[in-house]
N, C-alpha and C. Protein backbone atom coordinates (compact mmCIF):
# COMPACT_ATOMS: atom_id res chain seq x y z
N MET A 1 91.41 114.56 135.10
CA MET A 1 90.71 114.11 134.29
C MET A 1 91.84 113.51 133.35
N THR A 2 91.49 112.10 133.02
CA THR A 2 92.50 111.24 132.18
C THR A 2 92.15 111.64 130.47
N PRO A 3 93.22 111.63 129.68
CA PRO A 3 92.67 111.90 128.11
C PRO A 3 91.99 110.68 127.66
N LYS A 4 91.31 111.13 126.74
CA LYS A 4 90.46 109.78 126.09
C LYS A 4 91.46 109.09 125.45
N SER A 5 91.09 107.72 125.34
CA SER A 5 91.80 106.93 124.69
C SER A 5 91.90 107.16 123.36
N ASN A 6 93.05 106.99 122.66
CA ASN A 6 93.19 107.43 121.09
C ASN A 6 93.55 106.22 120.28
N PRO A 7 92.72 105.34 119.85
CA PRO A 7 93.14 104.33 118.87
C PRO A 7 94.05 104.86 117.81
N VAL A 8 95.12 104.21 117.38
CA VAL A 8 95.64 104.64 116.12
C VAL A 8 96.46 103.49 115.61
N THR A 9 96.64 103.46 114.39
CA THR A 9 97.35 102.29 113.45
C THR A 9 98.61 102.67 113.67
N PRO A 10 99.66 101.53 113.46
CA PRO A 10 101.13 101.90 113.73
C PRO A 10 101.42 102.91 112.66
N ALA A 11 100.91 102.87 111.29
CA ALA A 11 101.27 103.98 110.39
C ALA A 11 100.91 105.28 110.79
N GLY A 12 99.38 105.53 111.42
CA GLY A 12 99.20 106.75 112.05
C GLY A 12 100.22 107.36 113.14
N TYR A 13 100.68 106.25 113.98
CA TYR A 13 101.32 106.69 115.16
C TYR A 13 102.64 107.13 114.38
N ALA A 14 103.12 106.49 113.57
CA ALA A 14 104.58 106.94 113.01
C ALA A 14 104.39 108.43 112.28
N ALA A 15 103.19 108.66 111.73
CA ALA A 15 103.13 109.71 111.07
C ALA A 15 103.01 110.96 112.11
N MET A 16 102.26 110.49 113.23
CA MET A 16 102.18 111.85 114.09
C MET A 16 103.47 112.11 114.69
N LYS A 17 104.30 111.06 114.98
CA LYS A 17 105.64 111.24 115.62
C LYS A 17 106.65 111.83 114.59
N ALA A 18 106.50 111.48 113.41
CA ALA A 18 107.38 112.21 112.41
C ALA A 18 107.05 113.66 112.48
N ARG A 19 105.69 114.06 112.50
CA ARG A 19 105.26 115.35 112.41
C ARG A 19 105.77 116.20 113.69
N TYR A 20 105.70 115.42 114.89
CA TYR A 20 105.99 116.10 116.08
C TYR A 20 107.70 116.32 116.03
N ASP A 21 108.40 115.37 115.68
CA ASP A 21 109.85 115.59 115.70
C ASP A 21 110.16 116.54 114.59
N HIS A 22 109.66 116.71 113.43
CA HIS A 22 109.93 117.54 112.46
C HIS A 22 109.53 119.06 112.90
N LEU A 23 108.77 119.16 113.51
CA LEU A 23 108.26 120.62 114.27
C LEU A 23 109.13 120.83 115.22
N LEU A 24 109.53 120.02 116.13
CA LEU A 24 110.55 120.32 117.18
C LEU A 24 111.96 120.44 116.98
N GLY A 25 112.56 119.54 116.03
CA GLY A 25 113.90 119.32 115.54
C GLY A 25 114.28 120.37 114.25
N THR A 26 113.34 120.64 113.58
CA THR A 26 113.70 121.49 112.18
C THR A 26 112.96 122.77 112.27
N GLU A 27 111.53 122.87 112.33
CA GLU A 27 110.85 123.96 111.97
C GLU A 27 110.84 124.89 113.14
N ARG A 28 110.84 124.65 114.30
CA ARG A 28 110.91 125.57 115.34
C ARG A 28 112.32 126.10 115.60
N PRO A 29 113.25 125.24 115.60
CA PRO A 29 114.82 125.93 115.73
C PRO A 29 114.86 127.14 114.68
N GLU A 30 114.30 126.77 113.15
CA GLU A 30 114.65 127.68 112.21
C GLU A 30 113.70 129.15 112.60
N ILE A 31 112.62 129.05 113.09
CA ILE A 31 111.77 130.15 113.34
C ILE A 31 112.55 130.83 114.48
N VAL A 32 113.02 130.38 115.68
CA VAL A 32 113.65 130.85 116.66
C VAL A 32 114.80 131.53 116.23
N GLU A 33 115.60 130.99 115.13
CA GLU A 33 116.67 131.73 114.58
C GLU A 33 116.33 133.15 113.70
N ILE A 34 115.21 132.93 113.04
CA ILE A 34 114.60 133.96 112.34
C ILE A 34 114.16 135.24 113.43
N VAL A 35 113.54 134.83 114.37
CA VAL A 35 112.96 135.74 115.38
C VAL A 35 114.17 136.41 116.12
N SER A 36 115.09 135.84 116.51
CA SER A 36 116.49 136.27 117.09
C SER A 36 117.16 137.51 116.11
N TRP A 37 117.17 136.95 114.94
CA TRP A 37 117.80 137.75 113.98
C TRP A 37 117.20 139.20 113.95
N ALA A 38 115.74 138.89 113.74
CA ALA A 38 114.65 140.04 113.55
C ALA A 38 114.80 140.76 114.88
N ALA A 39 114.82 140.34 116.01
CA ALA A 39 114.73 140.94 117.33
C ALA A 39 115.77 141.94 117.58
N GLY A 40 117.13 141.58 116.74
CA GLY A 40 118.33 142.36 116.74
C GLY A 40 118.41 143.49 116.04
N ASN A 41 117.33 143.60 115.04
CA ASN A 41 117.37 144.64 113.90
C ASN A 41 116.68 145.81 114.55
N GLY A 42 116.11 145.97 115.67
CA GLY A 42 115.78 147.21 116.26
C GLY A 42 114.10 147.12 116.48
N ASP A 43 113.34 148.19 115.99
CA ASP A 43 112.02 148.39 116.30
C ASP A 43 111.24 146.97 115.97
N ARG A 44 110.54 146.34 116.79
CA ARG A 44 109.82 145.16 116.68
C ARG A 44 108.62 145.49 116.23
N SER A 45 107.83 146.49 116.41
CA SER A 45 106.53 146.82 116.18
C SER A 45 106.43 146.92 114.63
N GLU A 46 107.32 147.15 113.78
CA GLU A 46 107.24 147.23 112.36
C GLU A 46 108.05 146.15 111.62
N ASN A 47 108.46 145.34 112.17
CA ASN A 47 109.58 144.20 111.92
C ASN A 47 108.74 143.19 111.42
N GLY A 48 108.39 142.96 110.22
CA GLY A 48 107.62 141.75 109.60
C GLY A 48 108.02 140.30 110.08
N ASP A 49 109.38 140.13 109.79
CA ASP A 49 109.88 139.07 110.23
C ASP A 49 110.01 138.63 111.73
N TYR A 50 109.98 139.60 112.45
CA TYR A 50 109.95 139.25 114.08
C TYR A 50 108.47 138.86 114.23
N LEU A 51 107.36 139.76 113.64
CA LEU A 51 105.94 139.63 113.99
C LEU A 51 105.39 138.10 113.46
N TYR A 52 105.75 138.06 112.27
CA TYR A 52 105.35 136.75 111.46
C TYR A 52 105.89 135.67 112.42
N GLY A 53 107.43 135.79 112.70
CA GLY A 53 107.90 134.72 113.40
C GLY A 53 107.57 134.28 114.71
N ARG A 54 107.24 135.29 115.43
CA ARG A 54 106.48 135.19 116.72
C ARG A 54 105.09 134.38 116.71
N LYS A 55 104.46 134.72 115.73
CA LYS A 55 103.15 134.20 115.40
C LYS A 55 103.43 132.72 114.92
N ARG A 56 104.09 132.41 113.99
CA ARG A 56 104.45 131.03 113.58
C ARG A 56 104.86 130.42 114.69
N MET A 57 105.82 130.84 115.55
CA MET A 57 106.14 130.07 116.90
C MET A 57 105.23 129.70 117.75
N ARG A 58 104.09 130.58 117.92
CA ARG A 58 102.90 130.17 118.76
C ARG A 58 102.06 129.12 118.10
N GLU A 59 101.93 129.14 116.64
CA GLU A 59 101.24 128.04 115.91
C GLU A 59 101.92 126.65 116.39
N ILE A 60 103.41 126.68 116.17
CA ILE A 60 104.22 125.59 116.14
C ILE A 60 104.01 124.95 117.58
N ASP A 61 103.99 125.78 118.72
CA ASP A 61 104.00 125.42 120.06
C ASP A 61 102.73 124.82 120.38
N ARG A 62 101.65 125.32 119.49
CA ARG A 62 100.31 124.91 120.07
C ARG A 62 100.17 123.50 119.24
N GLU A 63 100.72 123.42 118.21
CA GLU A 63 100.62 121.96 117.40
C GLU A 63 101.39 121.18 118.30
N LEU A 64 102.63 121.54 118.75
CA LEU A 64 103.55 120.51 119.48
C LEU A 64 102.67 120.20 120.68
N ALA A 65 102.05 121.00 121.31
CA ALA A 65 101.21 120.65 122.82
C ALA A 65 100.10 119.70 122.29
N HIS A 66 99.45 119.84 121.25
CA HIS A 66 98.32 118.83 120.67
C HIS A 66 98.95 117.80 120.31
N LEU A 67 99.95 117.48 119.69
CA LEU A 67 100.51 116.24 119.25
C LEU A 67 101.09 115.47 120.60
N ALA A 68 101.65 116.28 121.38
CA ALA A 68 102.34 115.73 122.53
C ALA A 68 101.05 114.92 123.36
N ARG A 69 99.96 115.60 123.43
CA ARG A 69 98.63 115.04 124.12
C ARG A 69 98.20 113.70 123.36
N ARG A 70 98.17 113.82 122.19
CA ARG A 70 97.48 112.82 121.17
C ARG A 70 98.60 111.72 121.37
N LEU A 71 99.60 111.84 121.30
CA LEU A 71 100.78 110.75 121.25
C LEU A 71 100.77 110.04 122.61
N LYS A 72 100.56 110.94 123.85
CA LYS A 72 100.59 110.19 125.03
C LYS A 72 99.34 109.51 125.18
N ALA A 73 98.05 109.67 124.81
CA ALA A 73 97.06 109.20 124.78
C ALA A 73 96.89 107.92 123.79
N ALA A 74 97.70 107.89 122.94
CA ALA A 74 97.69 106.82 121.65
C ALA A 74 97.77 105.59 122.19
N ARG A 75 96.74 104.83 121.73
CA ARG A 75 96.80 103.15 121.90
C ARG A 75 97.06 102.63 120.69
N VAL A 76 98.26 102.25 120.38
CA VAL A 76 98.69 101.65 118.82
C VAL A 76 98.00 100.36 118.75
N ILE A 77 97.20 100.18 117.71
CA ILE A 77 96.35 98.79 117.53
C ILE A 77 96.84 98.42 115.97
N ASP A 78 97.38 97.37 116.10
CA ASP A 78 97.79 96.73 114.61
C ASP A 78 96.62 95.93 114.05
N PRO A 79 95.96 96.51 113.03
CA PRO A 79 94.85 95.57 112.36
C PRO A 79 95.42 94.46 111.98
N ALA A 80 96.52 94.18 111.53
CA ALA A 80 97.00 92.92 111.34
C ALA A 80 96.75 91.61 112.35
N ASP A 81 96.74 92.10 113.49
CA ASP A 81 96.65 91.28 114.85
C ASP A 81 95.26 90.97 115.00
N GLN A 82 94.21 91.49 114.52
CA GLN A 82 92.70 91.44 114.59
C GLN A 82 92.34 89.78 114.51
N PRO A 83 91.90 89.18 115.82
CA PRO A 83 91.67 87.85 115.77
C PRO A 83 90.48 87.47 114.98
N ASP A 84 89.26 88.35 114.90
CA ASP A 84 87.90 88.12 114.18
C ASP A 84 88.05 88.81 113.00
N THR A 85 88.58 88.14 111.72
CA THR A 85 88.52 89.09 110.50
C THR A 85 87.14 89.01 109.72
N SER A 86 86.15 88.24 110.23
CA SER A 86 84.92 88.07 109.67
C SER A 86 83.99 89.32 109.96
N ARG A 87 84.32 90.22 110.87
CA ARG A 87 83.54 91.48 111.28
C ARG A 87 84.41 92.64 111.20
N ALA A 88 83.72 93.60 111.13
CA ALA A 88 84.38 95.04 110.94
C ALA A 88 84.78 95.83 112.32
N PHE A 89 86.12 95.89 112.46
CA PHE A 89 86.63 96.32 113.77
C PHE A 89 87.70 97.24 113.37
N PHE A 90 88.50 98.03 114.25
CA PHE A 90 89.36 98.81 113.88
C PHE A 90 90.55 98.23 113.02
N GLY A 91 90.73 99.31 111.84
CA GLY A 91 91.80 98.92 110.93
C GLY A 91 91.29 97.96 109.88
N ALA A 92 89.89 97.81 109.71
CA ALA A 92 89.34 96.90 108.71
C ALA A 92 89.08 97.80 107.61
N THR A 93 89.41 97.20 106.21
CA THR A 93 88.94 97.93 105.16
C THR A 93 87.76 97.10 104.62
N ILE A 94 86.57 97.87 104.56
CA ILE A 94 85.23 97.56 104.22
C ILE A 94 84.61 98.30 103.03
N THR A 95 84.32 97.27 102.08
CA THR A 95 83.49 97.74 100.64
C THR A 95 81.96 97.65 101.01
N LEU A 96 81.59 98.99 100.80
CA LEU A 96 79.94 99.11 101.18
C LEU A 96 79.11 99.34 99.83
N ALA A 97 77.98 98.93 99.66
CA ALA A 97 77.13 99.34 98.58
C ALA A 97 75.94 99.86 98.91
N ASP A 98 75.38 101.02 98.35
CA ASP A 98 74.49 101.86 98.73
C ASP A 98 73.14 101.38 98.01
N GLU A 99 72.00 101.81 98.25
CA GLU A 99 70.77 101.41 97.44
C GLU A 99 70.92 101.09 95.88
N ASP A 100 71.62 101.84 95.45
CA ASP A 100 71.96 101.97 93.93
C ASP A 100 72.69 101.07 93.43
N ASP A 101 73.33 100.27 94.33
CA ASP A 101 74.71 99.40 93.99
C ASP A 101 75.86 100.19 93.57
N VAL A 102 75.95 101.28 94.06
CA VAL A 102 77.26 102.21 94.24
C VAL A 102 78.23 101.75 95.28
N GLU A 103 79.36 101.17 94.74
CA GLU A 103 80.18 100.75 96.04
C GLU A 103 81.30 101.87 96.34
N ARG A 104 81.41 101.78 97.78
CA ARG A 104 82.57 102.72 98.33
C ARG A 104 83.33 101.82 99.37
N VAL A 105 84.58 102.11 99.18
CA VAL A 105 85.67 101.28 100.02
C VAL A 105 86.00 102.34 101.26
N VAL A 106 85.93 101.92 102.47
CA VAL A 106 86.60 102.75 103.54
C VAL A 106 87.34 101.85 104.49
N THR A 107 88.24 102.51 105.15
CA THR A 107 89.21 101.89 106.18
C THR A 107 88.98 102.70 107.46
N LEU A 108 88.64 101.81 108.56
CA LEU A 108 88.36 102.47 109.97
C LEU A 108 89.69 102.59 110.60
N VAL A 109 89.95 103.99 110.64
CA VAL A 109 91.34 104.32 111.39
C VAL A 109 91.22 105.31 112.46
N GLY A 110 92.12 105.54 113.38
CA GLY A 110 92.27 106.49 114.42
C GLY A 110 91.65 107.85 113.99
N ASP A 111 91.07 108.76 114.67
CA ASP A 111 90.67 110.16 114.50
C ASP A 111 91.85 110.85 113.95
N ASP A 112 92.93 110.89 114.45
CA ASP A 112 94.02 111.55 114.08
C ASP A 112 94.61 111.26 112.67
N GLU A 113 94.08 110.12 112.13
CA GLU A 113 94.66 109.88 110.81
C GLU A 113 93.36 109.66 109.68
N GLN A 114 92.30 110.11 110.06
CA GLN A 114 91.14 110.19 109.13
C GLN A 114 91.32 111.14 107.97
N ASP A 115 90.90 110.71 106.88
CA ASP A 115 90.88 111.46 105.48
C ASP A 115 90.02 110.89 104.46
N ALA A 116 88.61 111.53 104.51
CA ALA A 116 87.75 111.07 103.98
C ALA A 116 87.75 110.87 102.56
N GLY A 117 88.53 111.84 101.89
CA GLY A 117 88.84 111.80 100.41
C GLY A 117 89.72 110.63 100.14
N ALA A 118 90.43 109.85 100.91
CA ALA A 118 91.33 108.81 100.77
C ALA A 118 90.57 107.38 101.38
N GLY A 119 89.22 107.63 101.70
CA GLY A 119 88.58 106.57 102.34
C GLY A 119 88.88 106.21 103.57
N ARG A 120 89.73 106.85 104.38
CA ARG A 120 90.01 106.58 105.86
C ARG A 120 89.00 107.42 106.71
N ILE A 121 88.21 106.62 107.39
CA ILE A 121 87.28 107.14 108.22
C ILE A 121 87.75 107.15 109.56
N GLY A 122 87.50 108.18 110.53
CA GLY A 122 87.77 108.25 111.68
C GLY A 122 87.00 107.27 112.63
N TRP A 123 87.46 106.64 113.77
CA TRP A 123 87.06 105.44 114.48
C TRP A 123 85.57 106.08 115.27
N SER A 124 85.78 107.33 115.55
CA SER A 124 84.40 107.77 116.01
C SER A 124 83.41 108.65 115.20
N SER A 125 83.71 108.45 114.01
CA SER A 125 82.71 109.31 113.13
C SER A 125 81.42 108.31 113.10
N PRO A 126 80.31 108.98 112.61
CA PRO A 126 78.83 108.23 112.69
C PRO A 126 78.90 106.89 111.68
N LEU A 127 79.57 107.18 110.65
CA LEU A 127 79.68 105.80 109.69
C LEU A 127 80.52 104.70 110.55
N ALA A 128 81.79 105.26 111.08
CA ALA A 128 82.41 103.99 111.59
C ALA A 128 81.65 103.45 112.98
N ARG A 129 80.99 104.34 113.53
CA ARG A 129 80.18 103.56 114.80
C ARG A 129 79.29 102.63 113.98
N ALA A 130 78.60 102.88 113.05
CA ALA A 130 77.56 101.96 112.51
C ALA A 130 78.11 100.76 111.96
N LEU A 131 79.16 101.02 111.57
CA LEU A 131 80.08 99.68 110.97
C LEU A 131 80.75 98.89 111.95
N LYS A 132 81.06 99.30 113.05
CA LYS A 132 81.62 98.64 114.10
C LYS A 132 80.77 96.99 114.34
N GLY A 133 81.46 96.12 114.23
CA GLY A 133 81.10 94.78 114.46
C GLY A 133 80.05 94.15 113.34
N ALA A 134 79.86 94.86 112.26
CA ALA A 134 79.17 94.31 111.26
C ALA A 134 80.01 93.09 110.34
N ALA A 135 79.19 92.39 109.76
CA ALA A 135 79.60 91.18 109.01
C ALA A 135 79.20 91.26 107.69
N ILE A 136 79.82 90.59 106.66
CA ILE A 136 79.40 90.74 105.24
C ILE A 136 78.18 90.22 105.11
N GLY A 137 77.19 91.14 104.40
CA GLY A 137 75.78 90.78 104.16
C GLY A 137 75.12 91.77 105.15
N ASP A 138 75.55 92.38 106.13
CA ASP A 138 74.75 93.09 107.03
C ASP A 138 74.42 94.52 106.42
N LEU A 139 73.24 94.95 106.84
CA LEU A 139 72.67 96.24 106.23
C LEU A 139 73.13 97.23 107.52
N ARG A 140 73.53 98.43 107.21
CA ARG A 140 73.97 99.42 108.33
C ARG A 140 73.14 100.76 107.78
N SER A 141 72.68 101.62 108.60
CA SER A 141 72.01 102.82 108.29
C SER A 141 72.99 103.75 109.08
N VAL A 142 73.03 105.08 108.41
CA VAL A 142 73.70 106.19 108.94
C VAL A 142 72.88 107.50 108.98
N ARG A 143 72.57 108.07 109.93
CA ARG A 143 71.94 109.41 109.74
C ARG A 143 72.93 110.51 109.22
N LEU A 144 72.85 110.97 108.04
CA LEU A 144 73.48 112.05 107.32
C LEU A 144 72.87 113.45 107.51
N PRO A 145 73.45 114.52 107.08
CA PRO A 145 72.76 115.84 106.94
C PRO A 145 71.56 115.95 106.12
N GLY A 146 71.88 115.00 104.91
CA GLY A 146 70.83 114.72 104.01
C GLY A 146 69.74 113.57 103.97
N GLY A 147 69.83 113.09 105.28
CA GLY A 147 69.07 112.11 105.62
C GLY A 147 69.54 110.88 105.88
N VAL A 148 68.82 109.78 106.16
CA VAL A 148 69.33 108.51 106.26
C VAL A 148 69.75 107.85 105.16
N LYS A 149 70.99 107.23 105.26
CA LYS A 149 71.53 106.42 104.13
C LYS A 149 71.73 105.08 104.56
N GLU A 150 71.42 103.94 103.71
CA GLU A 150 71.56 102.60 104.17
C GLU A 150 72.75 101.99 103.28
N TRP A 151 73.83 101.13 103.83
CA TRP A 151 74.71 100.47 103.28
C TRP A 151 74.69 99.15 103.46
N GLU A 152 75.16 98.23 102.53
CA GLU A 152 75.26 96.78 102.77
C GLU A 152 76.79 96.48 102.70
N ILE A 153 77.17 95.76 103.77
CA ILE A 153 78.68 95.42 103.84
C ILE A 153 78.86 94.33 102.75
N VAL A 154 79.78 94.40 101.74
CA VAL A 154 79.86 93.54 100.79
C VAL A 154 81.23 92.81 101.04
N ALA A 155 82.38 93.49 101.57
CA ALA A 155 83.43 92.83 101.71
C ALA A 155 84.25 93.47 102.99
N ILE A 156 84.97 92.73 103.59
CA ILE A 156 85.82 93.12 104.89
C ILE A 156 87.22 92.55 104.72
N SER A 157 88.16 93.47 104.97
CA SER A 157 89.54 92.59 104.81
C SER A 157 90.37 93.39 105.89
N TYR A 158 91.60 92.70 106.23
CA TYR A 158 92.60 93.33 107.02
C TYR A 158 93.94 93.19 106.35
N PRO A 159 94.75 94.19 106.87
CA PRO A 159 96.17 93.74 106.40
C PRO A 159 96.72 92.47 106.75
N LEU A 160 97.52 91.80 106.16
CA LEU A 160 97.92 90.40 106.45
C LEU A 160 98.97 90.46 107.70
N ALA A 161 98.74 89.65 108.64
CA ALA A 161 99.60 89.54 109.62
C ALA A 161 101.21 89.26 109.40
N ARG A 162 102.04 90.10 110.15
CA ARG A 162 103.40 90.34 109.73
C ARG A 162 103.75 88.98 110.44
N GLU A 163 104.97 88.46 109.74
CA GLU A 163 105.84 87.40 110.41
C GLU A 163 106.46 87.86 111.44
N HIS A 164 106.39 87.15 112.62
CA HIS A 164 107.05 87.57 113.82
C HIS A 164 108.47 86.96 114.04
N ALA A 165 109.50 87.63 114.36
CA ALA A 165 110.74 87.05 114.46
C ALA A 165 110.70 85.91 115.56
N GLY A 166 111.04 84.67 115.13
CA GLY A 166 111.06 83.64 116.20
C GLY A 166 109.87 83.04 116.86
N ALA A 167 108.56 83.34 115.94
CA ALA A 167 107.44 83.11 116.34
C ALA A 167 107.11 81.72 115.53
């Protein structure tokens, strides 16, 4: 079974890689040191440092394994390279207006970098699936727990393309 493709922005990939490097290079060695010190203090069954350290080490190892799988499956897509900026695709920042003309701005990002509070919507979320391929003026409906909600696409933008050396 091959892992599911994991689209991610360059910034999202860098953040995942930084988290992986921090856990592996800083946090895990610190916990290993605490566990080793605590293990040398005798009775491990009542040693809080030892018990907490072992628990934290398992959490770190689980997160490292998860991040390693996600990084391996990552497909970095730079939104600045999107050839069709008139439609909503990965990395687009979209201004939506609901039936009451209340505007909301969302950016379509990888599932690993989603943060609804910051307006970053995961690529496989219901809203992102409804917005894929939309153009300015299109109406899109999304079924939410509270019922169906309809939005009009008011604006679509992408980050500016970076200057490539020698191009």
